[in-house]
Amino acid sequence: MMGGTAREIAFNLLLKAEASKQYSNIVLDNALQKNDLSTADKNLTSILFYGVTERRITLDYQITTLSSRPIEDIDINT
């Protein structure tokens, strides 16, 4: 179980989905079942997770235009 706030859970799920290459809906569904979140926090977790997943290309583009390092060289764990 991950635990934490909706935002922390969403962040950790994004890292997990990226590392494991699992289907995003399966990663999210499993986490929502394992964490004791309110309905509002489950909704927030879902919105954050799917929002970032959906906008990944746009977000990566914005990062590359603002960063002095190539996106491949940015450590996602910091």
N, C-alpha and C. Protein backbone atom coordinates (compact mmCIF):
# COMPACT_ATOMS: atom_id res chain seq x y z
N MET A 1 0.84 -1.18 0.00
CA MET A 1 0.00 0.00 0.00
C MET A 1 0.89 1.24 0.00
N MET A 2 0.52 2.23 -0.79
CA MET A 2 1.32 3.43 -0.92
C MET A 2 1.09 4.40 0.22
N GLY A 3 -0.14 4.72 0.52
CA GLY A 3 -0.45 5.67 1.56
C GLY A 3 -0.12 7.09 1.14
N GLY A 4 -0.57 8.03 1.93
CA GLY A 4 -0.28 9.43 1.67
C GLY A 4 -1.50 10.18 1.17
N THR A 5 -1.26 11.40 0.75
CA THR A 5 -2.32 12.24 0.23
C THR A 5 -2.65 11.84 -1.20
N ALA A 6 -3.74 12.36 -1.71
CA ALA A 6 -4.12 12.10 -3.09
C ALA A 6 -3.01 12.51 -4.06
N ARG A 7 -2.39 13.64 -3.78
CA ARG A 7 -1.31 14.13 -4.65
C ARG A 7 -0.08 13.23 -4.60
N GLU A 8 0.27 12.79 -3.40
CA GLU A 8 1.42 11.88 -3.25
C GLU A 8 1.16 10.55 -3.95
N ILE A 9 -0.04 10.05 -3.80
CA ILE A 9 -0.39 8.78 -4.43
C ILE A 9 -0.35 8.93 -5.95
N ALA A 10 -0.91 10.00 -6.48
CA ALA A 10 -0.89 10.23 -7.93
C ALA A 10 0.55 10.31 -8.44
N PHE A 11 1.40 11.05 -7.73
CA PHE A 11 2.80 11.17 -8.12
C PHE A 11 3.49 9.81 -8.14
N ASN A 12 3.31 9.04 -7.08
CA ASN A 12 3.94 7.72 -7.01
C ASN A 12 3.40 6.77 -8.07
N LEU A 13 2.12 6.89 -8.38
CA LEU A 13 1.55 6.06 -9.43
C LEU A 13 2.11 6.42 -10.80
N LEU A 14 2.32 7.70 -11.04
CA LEU A 14 2.93 8.12 -12.31
C LEU A 14 4.34 7.55 -12.45
N LEU A 15 5.10 7.57 -11.37
CA LEU A 15 6.44 6.98 -11.40
C LEU A 15 6.36 5.48 -11.64
N LYS A 16 5.43 4.82 -10.96
CA LYS A 16 5.26 3.37 -11.10
C LYS A 16 4.83 3.00 -12.52
N ALA A 17 3.89 3.74 -13.07
CA ALA A 17 3.40 3.46 -14.42
C ALA A 17 4.51 3.65 -15.44
N GLU A 18 5.34 4.66 -15.24
CA GLU A 18 6.45 4.92 -16.16
C GLU A 18 7.48 3.80 -16.08
N ALA A 19 7.80 3.36 -14.89
CA ALA A 19 8.83 2.34 -14.70
C ALA A 19 8.36 0.95 -15.13
N SER A 20 7.10 0.65 -14.88
CA SER A 20 6.61 -0.71 -15.11
C SER A 20 6.00 -0.91 -16.50
N LYS A 21 5.65 0.17 -17.16
CA LYS A 21 5.00 0.11 -18.47
C LYS A 21 3.69 -0.66 -18.42
N GLN A 22 3.04 -0.67 -17.24
CA GLN A 22 1.73 -1.30 -17.11
C GLN A 22 0.66 -0.35 -17.65
N TYR A 23 -0.50 -0.92 -17.92
CA TYR A 23 -1.63 -0.08 -18.34
C TYR A 23 -1.99 0.88 -17.21
N SER A 24 -2.19 2.13 -17.57
CA SER A 24 -2.44 3.14 -16.55
C SER A 24 -3.72 2.87 -15.75
N ASN A 25 -4.76 2.38 -16.40
CA ASN A 25 -6.00 2.14 -15.68
C ASN A 25 -5.85 1.04 -14.64
N ILE A 26 -5.03 0.05 -14.91
CA ILE A 26 -4.80 -1.04 -13.96
C ILE A 26 -4.00 -0.54 -12.76
N VAL A 27 -2.96 0.25 -13.03
CA VAL A 27 -2.14 0.82 -11.96
C VAL A 27 -3.01 1.67 -11.03
N LEU A 28 -3.83 2.52 -11.62
CA LEU A 28 -4.69 3.40 -10.83
C LEU A 28 -5.74 2.61 -10.05
N ASP A 29 -6.43 1.71 -10.71
CA ASP A 29 -7.47 0.94 -10.04
C ASP A 29 -6.93 0.16 -8.84
N ASN A 30 -5.78 -0.47 -9.02
CA ASN A 30 -5.17 -1.22 -7.91
C ASN A 30 -4.84 -0.32 -6.73
N ALA A 31 -4.30 0.85 -7.02
CA ALA A 31 -3.94 1.78 -5.94
C ALA A 31 -5.17 2.32 -5.22
N LEU A 32 -6.21 2.62 -5.97
CA LEU A 32 -7.42 3.15 -5.33
C LEU A 32 -8.07 2.11 -4.43
N GLN A 33 -7.96 0.86 -4.80
CA GLN A 33 -8.52 -0.22 -3.96
C GLN A 33 -7.69 -0.43 -2.69
N LYS A 34 -6.38 -0.23 -2.80
CA LYS A 34 -5.49 -0.50 -1.67
C LYS A 34 -5.38 0.64 -0.67
N ASN A 35 -5.76 1.84 -1.08
CA ASN A 35 -5.63 3.01 -0.22
C ASN A 35 -6.99 3.43 0.32
N ASP A 36 -7.00 3.79 1.58
CA ASP A 36 -8.24 4.20 2.24
C ASP A 36 -8.43 5.70 2.04
N LEU A 37 -8.95 6.05 0.87
CA LEU A 37 -9.17 7.46 0.53
C LEU A 37 -10.65 7.76 0.50
N SER A 38 -10.97 9.00 0.77
CA SER A 38 -12.35 9.44 0.62
C SER A 38 -12.69 9.46 -0.87
N THR A 39 -13.96 9.57 -1.17
CA THR A 39 -14.39 9.64 -2.57
C THR A 39 -13.76 10.84 -3.26
N ALA A 40 -13.71 11.97 -2.57
CA ALA A 40 -13.12 13.18 -3.13
C ALA A 40 -11.64 12.97 -3.43
N ASP A 41 -10.91 12.33 -2.52
CA ASP A 41 -9.48 12.09 -2.75
C ASP A 41 -9.24 11.06 -3.85
N LYS A 42 -10.12 10.08 -3.97
CA LYS A 42 -10.01 9.12 -5.08
C LYS A 42 -10.21 9.85 -6.41
N ASN A 43 -11.19 10.75 -6.43
CA ASN A 43 -11.43 11.53 -7.65
C ASN A 43 -10.24 12.42 -7.98
N LEU A 44 -9.68 13.08 -6.98
CA LEU A 44 -8.51 13.94 -7.21
C LEU A 44 -7.33 13.13 -7.71
N THR A 45 -7.08 11.98 -7.10
CA THR A 45 -5.99 11.11 -7.54
C THR A 45 -6.18 10.73 -9.01
N SER A 46 -7.39 10.35 -9.37
CA SER A 46 -7.69 9.96 -10.75
C SER A 46 -7.49 11.12 -11.73
N ILE A 47 -7.98 12.29 -11.34
CA ILE A 47 -7.86 13.47 -12.21
C ILE A 47 -6.39 13.83 -12.42
N LEU A 48 -5.61 13.83 -11.36
CA LEU A 48 -4.18 14.15 -11.49
C LEU A 48 -3.45 13.11 -12.33
N PHE A 49 -3.71 11.85 -12.03
CA PHE A 49 -3.02 10.76 -12.73
C PHE A 49 -3.35 10.78 -14.23
N TYR A 50 -4.62 10.80 -14.55
CA TYR A 50 -5.01 10.78 -15.97
C TYR A 50 -4.69 12.09 -16.67
N GLY A 51 -4.76 13.20 -15.95
CA GLY A 51 -4.42 14.49 -16.55
C GLY A 51 -2.98 14.55 -16.98
N VAL A 52 -2.08 14.11 -16.12
CA VAL A 52 -0.66 14.11 -16.47
C VAL A 52 -0.39 13.10 -17.57
N THR A 53 -1.00 11.93 -17.47
CA THR A 53 -0.82 10.90 -18.50
C THR A 53 -1.29 11.41 -19.86
N GLU A 54 -2.43 12.07 -19.88
CA GLU A 54 -2.99 12.59 -21.13
C GLU A 54 -2.14 13.72 -21.71
N ARG A 55 -1.59 14.54 -20.85
CA ARG A 55 -0.83 15.72 -21.31
C ARG A 55 0.68 15.50 -21.33
N ARG A 56 1.11 14.28 -21.26
CA ARG A 56 2.54 13.96 -21.15
C ARG A 56 3.39 14.60 -22.25
N ILE A 57 2.96 14.50 -23.49
CA ILE A 57 3.74 15.06 -24.60
C ILE A 57 3.87 16.57 -24.46
N THR A 58 2.78 17.23 -24.13
CA THR A 58 2.81 18.68 -23.94
C THR A 58 3.70 19.06 -22.76
N LEU A 59 3.56 18.33 -21.66
CA LEU A 59 4.39 18.62 -20.48
C LEU A 59 5.87 18.39 -20.78
N ASP A 60 6.19 17.32 -21.47
CA ASP A 60 7.59 17.06 -21.83
C ASP A 60 8.14 18.16 -22.73
N TYR A 61 7.33 18.65 -23.65
CA TYR A 61 7.76 19.74 -24.52
C TYR A 61 8.04 21.00 -23.70
N GLN A 62 7.15 21.34 -22.79
CA GLN A 62 7.35 22.52 -21.95
C GLN A 62 8.61 22.39 -21.10
N ILE A 63 8.84 21.22 -20.56
CA ILE A 63 10.04 20.99 -19.76
C ILE A 63 11.29 21.20 -20.61
N THR A 64 11.30 20.66 -21.83
CA THR A 64 12.49 20.80 -22.68
C THR A 64 12.74 22.25 -23.07
N THR A 65 11.70 23.05 -23.21
CA THR A 65 11.91 24.45 -23.57
C THR A 65 12.40 25.28 -22.39
N LEU A 66 12.10 24.83 -21.17
CA LEU A 66 12.48 25.60 -19.98
C LEU A 66 13.74 25.08 -19.29
N SER A 67 14.15 23.87 -19.60
CA SER A 67 15.29 23.27 -18.93
C SER A 67 16.57 23.45 -19.75
N SER A 68 17.67 23.59 -19.04
CA SER A 68 18.96 23.67 -19.73
C SER A 68 19.51 22.28 -20.04
N ARG A 69 18.87 21.24 -19.50
CA ARG A 69 19.31 19.86 -19.74
C ARG A 69 18.31 19.14 -20.64
N PRO A 70 18.79 18.19 -21.43
CA PRO A 70 17.86 17.37 -22.21
C PRO A 70 16.94 16.60 -21.27
N ILE A 71 15.72 16.37 -21.69
CA ILE A 71 14.73 15.71 -20.83
C ILE A 71 15.20 14.32 -20.39
N GLU A 72 15.96 13.64 -21.23
CA GLU A 72 16.46 12.32 -20.89
C GLU A 72 17.43 12.35 -19.71
N ASP A 73 18.04 13.50 -19.46
CA ASP A 73 19.03 13.65 -18.40
C ASP A 73 18.43 14.13 -17.08
N ILE A 74 17.13 14.38 -17.06
CA ILE A 74 16.48 14.85 -15.84
C ILE A 74 16.05 13.66 -15.03
N ASP A 75 16.46 13.66 -13.76
CA ASP A 75 16.13 12.56 -12.86
C ASP A 75 14.70 12.76 -12.34
N ILE A 76 13.81 11.84 -12.66
CA ILE A 76 12.41 12.00 -12.26
C ILE A 76 12.20 11.73 -10.79
N ASN A 77 13.19 11.20 -10.10
CA ASN A 77 13.05 10.87 -8.69
C ASN A 77 13.47 12.00 -7.75
N THR A 78 13.78 13.17 -8.30
CA THR A 78 14.16 14.29 -7.43
C THR A 78 13.17 15.41 -7.54
